[in-house]
Amino acid sequence: MSEVPLLQEVDLFQPKIKPRNALRMAADWLVTEYKAVRGGELSTSDHFIPAYAAHVLWTLAGNRMATNIPATPEFSRPEQVFRRAEERGQDNPDRVRNLIARIVRSSTAPIAVTYWARQWVERNSPTARWRNSIGPECPDSAPASRSQQHES
């Protein structure tokens, strides 16, 4: 079994949370990655998408992060981050998901970030959701592998 790379705050975040922001902003490389997705400069509200993505991956890895949000002083689970993203804009969760999927293929992302982005994508793909919904008691009901599908 391969070793899980160590995820560090510096991989995902700016050095500290600014008092005027609700949450800690994303590292520069992640903002740059999102600028490429959006095709240029970001609006003020767009800067939160990489921050939400950073918080999703950080909490997925089992970490906690303080916020300046009175109702949620700390994020400890990805669902909390997605809830906040959706409160701030209906399209925000999809934008965060798309950015995380892009990180998996990024050549500039730190190895540990790529690892956790891949974990998130694998756990949240339609196939993974389907497998999780049938439960472990149905091992024979898993979909056929691609090679098995082509043999029929």
Protein backbone atom coordinates (compact mmCIF):
# COMPACT_ATOMS: atom_id res chain seq x y z
CA MET A 1 0.00 0.00 0.00
CA SER A 2 1.42 3.39 -0.91
CA GLU A 3 2.01 6.09 1.65
CA VAL A 4 -0.36 9.07 1.82
CA PRO A 5 1.57 12.27 1.05
CA LEU A 6 1.58 14.82 3.86
CA LEU A 7 -0.78 17.71 3.15
CA GLN A 8 0.42 21.00 4.63
CA GLU A 9 -1.44 24.28 5.04
CA VAL A 10 1.07 26.04 2.79
CA ASP A 11 0.05 23.68 -0.04
CA LEU A 12 -3.48 25.08 -0.08
CA PHE A 13 -3.71 28.38 1.78
CA GLN A 14 -2.42 31.91 2.17
CA PRO A 15 -0.35 32.34 5.37
CA LYS A 16 -3.27 33.55 7.52
CA ILE A 17 -6.93 34.46 7.47
CA LYS A 18 -7.55 38.16 6.91
CA PRO A 19 -9.97 39.78 9.36
CA ARG A 20 -12.15 41.09 6.52
CA ASN A 21 -12.56 37.64 4.93
CA ALA A 22 -14.95 34.95 6.10
CA LEU A 23 -12.35 32.25 5.44
CA ARG A 24 -8.71 31.74 4.68
CA MET A 25 -7.94 32.34 1.04
CA ALA A 26 -6.29 29.86 -1.32
CA ALA A 27 -2.62 29.64 -2.20
CA ASP A 28 -1.52 31.63 -5.25
CA TRP A 29 -1.03 28.55 -7.46
CA LEU A 30 -4.65 27.53 -6.85
CA VAL A 31 -5.96 31.01 -7.69
CA THR A 32 -3.87 30.92 -10.89
CA GLU A 33 -5.35 27.52 -11.74
CA TYR A 34 -8.86 28.92 -11.34
CA LYS A 35 -7.99 31.97 -13.44
CA ALA A 36 -7.10 29.54 -16.24
CA VAL A 37 -10.51 27.87 -15.83
CA ARG A 38 -12.29 31.24 -15.99
CA GLY A 39 -10.15 32.54 -18.86
CA GLY A 40 -8.52 35.50 -17.12
CA GLU A 41 -8.96 37.80 -14.17
CA LEU A 42 -11.39 36.93 -11.40
CA SER A 43 -14.17 38.98 -9.90
CA THR A 44 -14.09 39.52 -6.14
CA SER A 45 -16.58 36.72 -5.53
CA ASP A 46 -14.66 34.35 -7.85
CA HIS A 47 -11.68 34.44 -5.47
CA PHE A 48 -13.71 32.40 -3.00
CA ILE A 49 -14.02 29.40 -5.35
CA PRO A 50 -10.35 28.36 -4.96
CA ALA A 51 -10.68 29.03 -1.21
CA TYR A 52 -13.69 26.71 -0.99
CA ALA A 53 -11.79 24.05 -2.99
CA ALA A 54 -8.82 24.38 -0.62
CA HIS A 55 -11.08 23.96 2.41
CA VAL A 56 -12.84 20.94 0.89
CA LEU A 57 -9.53 19.15 0.32
CA TRP A 58 -8.15 20.20 3.71
CA THR A 59 -11.17 18.83 5.57
CA LEU A 60 -11.33 15.72 3.39
CA ALA A 61 -7.80 14.96 4.63
CA GLY A 62 -9.17 15.03 8.20
CA ASN A 63 -8.05 18.53 9.13
CA ARG A 64 -9.92 21.48 10.61
CA MET A 65 -9.70 25.14 9.65
CA ALA A 66 -10.91 28.20 11.57
CA THR A 67 -13.23 30.68 9.83
CA ASN A 68 -14.55 34.16 10.53
CA ILE A 69 -18.12 32.91 10.05
CA PRO A 70 -20.08 33.34 13.30
CA ALA A 71 -22.44 30.42 12.61
CA THR A 72 -19.56 28.13 11.56
CA PRO A 73 -16.38 29.09 13.43
CA GLU A 74 -14.56 26.09 11.99
CA PHE A 75 -14.78 23.80 8.97
CA SER A 76 -14.19 20.13 9.77
CA ARG A 77 -16.05 18.39 6.91
CA PRO A 78 -16.32 19.01 3.16
CA GLU A 79 -20.14 19.19 3.43
CA GLN A 80 -19.83 22.31 5.60
CA VAL A 81 -17.72 23.98 2.94
CA PHE A 82 -20.14 23.09 0.15
CA ARG A 83 -23.06 24.39 2.21
CA ARG A 84 -21.28 27.71 2.68
CA ALA A 85 -20.38 27.86 -1.03
CA GLU A 86 -24.01 27.30 -2.00
CA GLU A 87 -25.22 29.95 0.47
CA ARG A 88 -22.99 32.44 -1.32
CA GLY A 89 -24.04 31.46 -4.85
CA GLN A 90 -26.12 28.70 -6.40
CA ASP A 91 -23.43 27.81 -9.00
CA ASN A 92 -20.56 27.86 -6.51
CA PRO A 93 -20.63 24.15 -5.56
CA ASP A 94 -20.36 23.11 -9.21
CA ARG A 95 -17.50 25.55 -9.75
CA VAL A 96 -15.70 24.09 -6.72
CA ARG A 97 -16.25 20.53 -7.99
CA ASN A 98 -14.93 21.46 -11.44
CA LEU A 99 -11.83 23.08 -9.95
CA ILE A 100 -11.10 20.03 -7.79
CA ALA A 101 -11.44 17.79 -10.86
CA ARG A 102 -9.00 20.04 -12.71
CA ILE A 103 -6.47 19.84 -9.85
CA VAL A 104 -6.20 16.08 -10.43
CA ARG A 105 -4.68 16.85 -13.87
CA SER A 106 -2.68 19.92 -12.82
CA SER A 107 1.07 19.99 -13.32
CA THR A 108 1.46 22.84 -10.81
CA ALA A 109 -0.41 21.33 -7.86
CA PRO A 110 1.63 19.93 -4.98
CA ILE A 111 1.65 16.12 -4.91
CA ALA A 112 -0.34 15.95 -1.67
CA VAL A 113 -3.04 18.24 -3.09
CA THR A 114 -3.29 16.12 -6.24
CA TYR A 115 -3.63 13.02 -4.06
CA TRP A 116 -6.53 14.49 -2.05
CA ALA A 117 -8.21 15.91 -5.17
CA ARG A 118 -8.08 12.42 -6.69
CA GLN A 119 -9.54 10.97 -3.48
CA TRP A 120 -12.40 13.47 -3.63
CA VAL A 121 -13.12 12.75 -7.31
CA GLU A 122 -13.02 8.98 -6.76
CA ARG A 123 -15.34 9.19 -3.75
CA ASN A 124 -17.78 11.52 -5.50
CA SER A 125 -17.94 10.12 -9.02
CA PRO A 126 -21.33 8.77 -10.15
CA THR A 127 -19.93 5.22 -10.08
CA ALA A 128 -18.69 5.62 -6.51
CA ARG A 129 -22.07 6.98 -5.38
CA TRP A 130 -23.79 4.03 -7.04
CA ARG A 131 -21.47 1.50 -5.38
CA ASN A 132 -21.96 3.16 -2.01
CA SER A 133 -25.75 3.07 -2.41
CA ILE A 134 -25.89 -0.70 -2.99
CA GLY A 135 -23.74 -1.42 0.04
CA PRO A 136 -21.10 -4.07 0.69
CA GLU A 137 -23.69 -6.87 0.92
CA CYS A 138 -24.06 -6.89 -2.89
CA PRO A 139 -20.54 -7.59 -4.21
CA ASP A 140 -21.81 -9.26 -7.40
CA SER A 141 -23.85 -6.22 -8.43
CA ALA A 142 -20.85 -4.00 -9.14
CA PRO A 143 -20.62 -2.81 -12.75
CA ALA A 144 -18.45 -4.78 -15.12
CA SER A 145 -14.99 -3.47 -15.80
CA ARG A 146 -14.33 -1.88 -19.19
CA SER A 147 -12.55 -5.00 -20.41
CA GLN A 148 -15.51 -7.17 -19.39
CA GLN A 149 -17.95 -4.79 -21.08
CA HIS A 150 -16.08 -5.08 -24.39
CA GLU A 151 -15.99 -8.89 -24.27
CA SER A 152 -19.78 -9.27 -24.63
